[in-house]
Structure formats: structure tokens, C-alpha cells
Amino acid sequence: MRTPIMAGNWKMYKTIQEALAFVDAVKEPLKTYPQAEKAICAGFVTLAPLAEALKDTQIKLGAQDMFWEEQGAYTGEVAPTMLQGICDLVIIGHSERRQHFCESNDTVNKKIKAALAHGLTPIVCVGESLDQNQAGETAAFVGEQVKAAFDGISAGQAAGIVVAYEPIWAIGTGLAATPEEANRIIGTVVRGTLTSLYGQDTAQSIRIQYGGSIKPDNVEALMKQPEIDGGLVGGASLKPEDFITLVRAAAQSAAR
């Protein structure tokens, strides 16, 4: 039985004060839902104060990116060693990092290996564009992303990684894949590729989130799908009441 994980990706939102106010609003209500893992992936400057605020809660803390070297002359980058002891998770290969900051399959793989080496759980993002989706290229493109991301990763390491399938055309657009379509792609393409790499037992143990315009009004239908193990959520994770609703749906899905 895979434990669902609902992770909020705050992107470039929330000051330190706003982030701490959010935690104050959700930490008590979220105690009601121990069946689901919950995480906040926040901006770098908010991580240290958030780590302190989340110390006595079940809410995990994640970074939104990191570099693969432990130290060096890389102005503006954040090393995995800087996140150790503060974060539990780190998002790697988000489509916005790929699109705007030249992230490649190669750098994604390097970052995954660095995260694992420093005790951080990677949330690895894969997903296709609208043109690729409409051209019937989803399986080939997403399958290749998965293969490249997990290159050189052992089965034991892979079992602890979280994958987020995020169709690029559904991020920030208000569009979303139907629950059935998201479930099909996650099951046949993402988990199917992992099965080809590691075998069924390992592939079945890896949690795969959906990450495209999850909202309170569609989260229940998405979480009812057997292959969807939670969500990587953008805009709907910014309001405390919305995030609580999302976690509730994930917790309820744990009984399926």
C-alpha cells in the first residue's frame, strides 16, 4: 500500500511572514489526516524559518530545486549540503525549470543522485507539452524522461523517489487531464517505464503524483484513481483552506 503524498509547490510566492502565517493556519487541522503525507515546497529564503515552525508537526518541508555539487564557484546556486537538516524533499526537473532555466535530462539525473547522496527525497517531475500530447507523443517523450532521470539509480534508491507526472499544458492554465487519462498515463507510461527498468515489485512501490491544475473541485476524482498517489500542487496550495481540502482527499484515498 503506497502512502499518498500531497505536496504544495509555492513557486515564487510567499514572504517569510506569509509562509509562517500559512503554517499557523494549517498545522492543527492537518493533524486530522495522518493517513497522507503532506509537504510544503517553499522558496529558499523561507526554508530555515519554516523548518523551525514545522518542527513539531507532521508536515514535511521541501526545496524547489538545488544544484548537484556540494560546494564551489556557482553564484546563485544552492547546494544539497545547504538543505541537509532543513529539508526533507526537493523538487527536481519541474517543467518551469526545464523551460526557463535550461534544465535538461542530464542535469535532472545529476540532481537526483546528489539529493539521494545527501538524504533528500527527490520529487522528480516529468510531463509533455500540449503539442506533444496532441501529436500522440506522450508515451515516447515521458517514457524517455523517466529513463533518463533514473539512469544509474539502483532499485533500492528508486523505491524512495517520488515521481510527479505534470502535463505541461495543464500547469497554471486551469486545464487538467481527466482523472481517467491521468491515471492511464501514470499507470502505463510512468509506472510502465519504471517496471521495465526495475521490475513490478519496485515499480509498484514508487509513489507517482499528478501535477497539473489540481484544485479542491477535482482532487477527489483524481485521488480515486488507483495509480495516482497524491499531487504536486501549485496555485491551490497557496490558500490554507484549499490545501487542507487537498490533504483530506489524499487521506481518504488511502483507504482504497
Protein backbone atom coordinates (compact mmCIF):
# COMPACT_ATOMS: atom_id res chain seq x y z
CA MET A 1 0.00 0.00 0.00
CA ARG A 2 1.53 3.30 -1.12
CA THR A 3 1.06 6.24 1.26
CA PRO A 4 -0.36 9.19 -0.70
CA ILE A 5 1.68 12.39 -0.64
CA MET A 6 0.21 15.85 -1.19
CA ALA A 7 2.93 18.45 -1.76
CA GLY A 8 2.38 22.15 -2.23
CA ASN A 9 4.75 23.87 -4.65
CA TRP A 10 4.61 27.54 -3.70
CA LYS A 11 6.83 28.58 -6.61
CA MET A 12 7.84 32.27 -6.29
CA TYR A 13 5.13 33.15 -3.78
CA LYS A 14 5.03 33.94 -0.06
CA THR A 15 7.33 36.06 2.05
CA ILE A 16 8.68 34.66 5.31
CA GLN A 17 5.82 36.26 7.21
CA GLU A 18 3.21 34.89 4.81
CA ALA A 19 4.75 31.42 4.91
CA LEU A 20 4.71 31.33 8.71
CA ALA A 21 1.10 32.54 8.79
CA PHE A 22 0.15 29.70 6.43
CA VAL A 23 1.76 27.12 8.71
CA ASP A 24 -0.06 28.55 11.72
CA ALA A 25 -3.35 28.15 9.85
CA VAL A 26 -2.86 24.54 8.71
CA LYS A 27 -0.77 22.73 11.30
CA GLU A 28 -3.64 21.89 13.66
CA PRO A 29 -6.24 20.91 11.02
CA LEU A 30 -3.73 18.70 9.19
CA LYS A 31 -3.17 16.59 12.31
CA THR A 32 -6.56 15.07 11.48
CA TYR A 33 -5.15 13.35 8.38
CA PRO A 34 -2.21 11.13 9.36
CA GLN A 35 -3.07 8.71 6.52
CA ALA A 36 -1.49 11.09 3.99
CA GLU A 37 1.99 12.54 3.83
CA LYS A 38 1.93 16.31 3.42
CA ALA A 39 4.71 18.64 2.36
CA ILE A 40 5.35 22.28 1.57
CA CYS A 41 7.97 23.14 -1.04
CA ALA A 42 8.87 26.77 -0.46
CA GLY A 43 11.29 29.43 -1.64
CA PHE A 44 14.87 29.22 -0.41
CA VAL A 45 14.74 32.26 1.89
CA THR A 46 11.75 30.84 3.77
CA LEU A 47 13.15 27.34 4.36
CA ALA A 48 15.06 27.92 7.60
CA PRO A 49 12.21 29.70 9.43
CA LEU A 50 9.72 27.17 8.08
CA ALA A 51 11.85 24.28 9.31
CA GLU A 52 11.65 25.72 12.80
CA ALA A 53 7.91 26.32 12.55
CA LEU A 54 7.27 22.77 11.28
CA LYS A 55 9.49 21.04 13.83
CA ASP A 56 6.69 19.58 15.92
CA THR A 57 4.30 18.83 13.05
CA GLN A 58 3.82 16.01 10.55
CA ILE A 59 4.31 18.43 7.66
CA LYS A 60 7.48 17.86 5.67
CA LEU A 61 9.50 20.63 4.07
CA GLY A 62 10.90 20.67 0.56
CA ALA A 63 13.03 22.91 -1.64
CA GLN A 64 12.01 23.67 -5.22
CA ASP A 65 15.42 22.99 -6.77
CA MET A 66 19.10 22.53 -5.93
CA PHE A 67 22.48 22.21 -7.61
CA TRP A 68 24.32 18.90 -7.82
CA GLU A 69 27.71 19.97 -6.46
CA GLU A 70 28.40 20.12 -2.73
CA GLN A 71 30.16 23.47 -2.99
CA GLY A 72 32.00 25.65 -5.47
CA ALA A 73 32.03 28.83 -7.52
CA TYR A 74 28.40 28.61 -8.66
CA THR A 75 26.96 32.02 -7.90
CA GLY A 76 23.29 31.96 -7.05
CA GLU A 77 23.03 28.19 -6.65
CA VAL A 78 22.08 26.21 -3.54
CA ALA A 79 23.98 23.03 -2.68
CA PRO A 80 22.42 19.84 -1.28
CA THR A 81 24.63 20.25 1.79
CA MET A 82 22.87 23.56 2.47
CA LEU A 83 19.49 21.80 2.51
CA GLN A 84 20.51 18.93 4.79
CA GLY A 85 18.98 19.23 8.20
CA ILE A 86 16.44 21.77 6.93
CA CYS A 87 14.54 19.98 4.17
CA ASP A 88 13.12 16.51 3.73
CA LEU A 89 12.44 16.73 0.00
CA VAL A 90 13.47 18.60 -3.12
CA ILE A 91 11.62 19.10 -6.40
CA ILE A 92 13.81 18.23 -9.37
CA GLY A 93 13.13 18.88 -13.05
CA HIS A 94 9.93 20.90 -12.76
CA SER A 95 8.74 21.94 -16.20
CA GLU A 96 9.27 25.61 -15.34
CA ARG A 97 12.91 24.84 -14.50
CA ARG A 98 13.24 22.96 -17.78
CA GLN A 99 11.56 25.71 -19.79
CA HIS A 100 13.02 28.87 -18.24
CA PHE A 101 16.34 27.73 -16.77
CA CYS A 102 17.67 25.24 -19.31
CA GLU A 103 17.17 22.15 -17.13
CA SER A 104 17.94 19.00 -19.13
CA ASN A 105 17.50 15.28 -18.61
CA ASP A 106 21.21 15.14 -17.79
CA THR A 107 21.09 17.80 -15.07
CA VAL A 108 17.93 16.23 -13.64
CA ASN A 109 19.76 12.93 -13.28
CA LYS A 110 22.75 14.61 -11.62
CA LYS A 111 20.49 16.39 -9.15
CA ILE A 112 18.60 13.22 -8.27
CA LYS A 113 21.85 11.44 -7.45
CA ALA A 114 23.07 14.38 -5.36
CA ALA A 115 19.77 14.56 -3.47
CA LEU A 116 19.89 10.86 -2.64
CA ALA A 117 23.51 11.12 -1.54
CA HIS A 118 22.54 13.80 0.96
CA GLY A 119 19.42 12.21 2.42
CA LEU A 120 16.90 14.28 0.48
CA THR A 121 13.85 12.67 -1.17
CA PRO A 122 13.58 13.80 -4.80
CA ILE A 123 10.21 14.68 -6.31
CA VAL A 124 11.10 14.12 -9.96
CA CYS A 125 8.89 15.88 -12.50
CA VAL A 126 8.08 14.56 -15.97
CA GLY A 127 5.49 15.66 -18.49
CA GLU A 128 4.72 16.60 -22.07
CA SER A 129 3.67 19.78 -23.87
CA LEU A 130 0.27 20.31 -25.48
CA ASP A 131 1.75 19.84 -28.97
CA GLN A 132 3.35 16.57 -27.93
CA ASN A 133 0.14 15.41 -26.33
CA GLN A 134 -1.94 16.21 -29.40
CA ALA A 135 0.62 14.57 -31.70
CA GLY A 136 0.41 11.32 -29.76
CA GLU A 137 3.99 11.65 -28.49
CA THR A 138 3.23 11.49 -24.77
CA ALA A 139 4.31 7.89 -24.20
CA ALA A 140 7.62 8.22 -26.04
CA PHE A 141 8.53 11.60 -24.56
CA VAL A 142 7.55 10.95 -20.95
CA GLY A 143 8.98 7.43 -21.06
CA GLU A 144 12.34 8.84 -22.17
CA GLN A 145 12.26 11.44 -19.39
CA VAL A 146 11.71 8.70 -16.82
CA LYS A 147 14.51 6.53 -18.24
CA ALA A 148 16.95 9.45 -18.27
CA ALA A 149 16.01 10.57 -14.76
CA PHE A 150 16.58 7.11 -13.27
CA ASP A 151 19.77 6.32 -15.20
CA GLY A 152 22.29 4.83 -12.77
CA ILE A 153 19.79 4.73 -9.90
CA SER A 154 19.56 1.40 -8.08
CA ALA A 155 16.24 -0.31 -7.37
CA GLY A 156 16.67 0.36 -3.67
CA GLN A 157 17.19 4.07 -4.32
CA ALA A 158 14.35 4.24 -6.83
CA ALA A 159 11.85 2.90 -4.31
CA GLY A 160 12.30 6.03 -2.19
CA ILE A 161 11.86 8.53 -5.04
CA VAL A 162 8.58 10.33 -5.72
CA VAL A 163 7.64 10.99 -9.35
CA ALA A 164 5.27 13.76 -10.37
CA TYR A 165 3.56 13.47 -13.75
CA GLU A 166 2.79 17.05 -14.71
CA PRO A 167 1.42 17.60 -18.21
CA ILE A 168 2.90 20.99 -19.09
CA TRP A 169 -0.28 22.07 -20.85
CA ALA A 170 -2.18 21.74 -17.56
CA ILE A 171 0.14 23.81 -15.34
CA GLY A 172 -1.22 27.23 -14.46
CA THR A 173 -3.70 27.11 -17.32
CA GLY A 174 -6.78 25.95 -15.48
CA LEU A 175 -6.83 22.90 -17.75
CA ALA A 176 -6.35 19.44 -16.33
CA ALA A 177 -6.15 15.94 -17.69
CA THR A 178 -9.27 13.94 -16.92
CA PRO A 179 -8.78 11.68 -13.91
CA GLU A 180 -9.01 8.64 -16.18
CA GLU A 181 -6.43 9.98 -18.64
CA ALA A 182 -4.03 10.99 -15.87
CA ASN A 183 -4.42 7.54 -14.33
CA ARG A 184 -3.79 5.85 -17.68
CA ILE A 185 -0.59 7.77 -18.41
CA ILE A 186 0.73 7.35 -14.89
CA GLY A 187 -0.02 3.65 -14.94
CA THR A 188 1.00 2.66 -18.44
CA VAL A 189 3.72 5.21 -19.25
CA VAL A 190 5.34 6.31 -15.99
CA ARG A 191 4.89 3.17 -13.89
CA GLY A 192 5.17 1.05 -17.01
CA THR A 193 8.59 2.52 -17.76
CA LEU A 194 9.66 2.03 -14.15
CA THR A 195 8.53 -1.60 -14.41
CA SER A 196 10.75 -2.08 -17.45
CA LEU A 197 13.68 -0.63 -15.50
CA TYR A 198 13.23 -2.27 -12.11
CA GLY A 199 10.54 -4.93 -12.28
CA GLN A 200 6.99 -4.87 -11.00
CA ASP A 201 7.66 -5.00 -7.26
CA THR A 202 9.86 -1.91 -7.22
CA ALA A 203 7.69 -0.03 -9.70
CA GLN A 204 4.60 -0.70 -7.62
CA SER A 205 6.33 0.73 -4.54
CA ILE A 206 7.18 4.09 -6.16
CA ARG A 207 4.71 6.86 -5.47
CA ILE A 208 3.57 8.85 -8.51
CA GLN A 209 1.75 12.14 -8.10
CA TYR A 210 -0.36 14.04 -10.57
CA GLY A 211 0.71 17.65 -11.02
CA GLY A 212 -1.49 19.63 -13.37
CA SER A 213 -4.05 22.13 -12.04
CA ILE A 214 -5.21 20.12 -9.05
CA LYS A 215 -7.96 22.02 -7.26
CA PRO A 216 -10.46 21.37 -4.47
CA ASP A 217 -13.16 20.70 -7.05
CA ASN A 218 -11.26 17.96 -8.93
CA VAL A 219 -8.95 16.49 -6.30
CA GLU A 220 -11.41 13.87 -5.05
CA ALA A 221 -11.92 12.42 -8.53
CA LEU A 222 -8.17 12.36 -9.14
CA MET A 223 -7.39 10.72 -5.82
CA LYS A 224 -9.91 7.94 -6.50
CA GLN A 225 -7.74 6.72 -9.36
CA PRO A 226 -5.67 3.67 -8.37
CA GLU A 227 -2.40 4.81 -9.96
CA ILE A 228 -2.41 8.37 -8.55
CA ASP A 229 -0.61 8.61 -5.22
CA GLY A 230 -1.14 12.27 -4.42
CA GLY A 231 -0.46 15.60 -6.02
CA LEU A 232 2.20 18.21 -6.66
CA VAL A 233 0.05 21.30 -6.35
CA GLY A 234 0.73 24.87 -7.41
CA GLY A 235 -1.88 27.61 -7.03
CA ALA A 236 -4.30 25.57 -4.92
CA SER A 237 -1.61 25.08 -2.27
CA LEU A 238 -1.34 28.79 -1.52
CA LYS A 239 -4.55 29.09 0.49
CA PRO A 240 -4.73 27.21 3.81
CA GLU A 241 -8.33 26.09 3.33
CA ASP A 242 -7.60 24.74 -0.15
CA PHE A 243 -4.52 22.84 0.97
CA ILE A 244 -6.44 21.27 3.84
CA THR A 245 -9.10 20.11 1.36
CA LEU A 246 -6.43 18.56 -0.87
CA VAL A 247 -4.80 16.71 2.02
CA ARG A 248 -8.19 15.47 3.20
CA ALA A 249 -8.86 13.95 -0.22
CA ALA A 250 -5.44 12.29 -0.24
CA ALA A 251 -6.04 10.85 3.24
CA GLN A 252 -9.42 9.50 2.21
CA SER A 253 -7.83 7.81 -0.80
CA ALA A 254 -5.52 5.86 1.49
CA ALA A 255 -8.42 3.59 2.36
CA ARG A 256 -8.97 2.48 -1.26
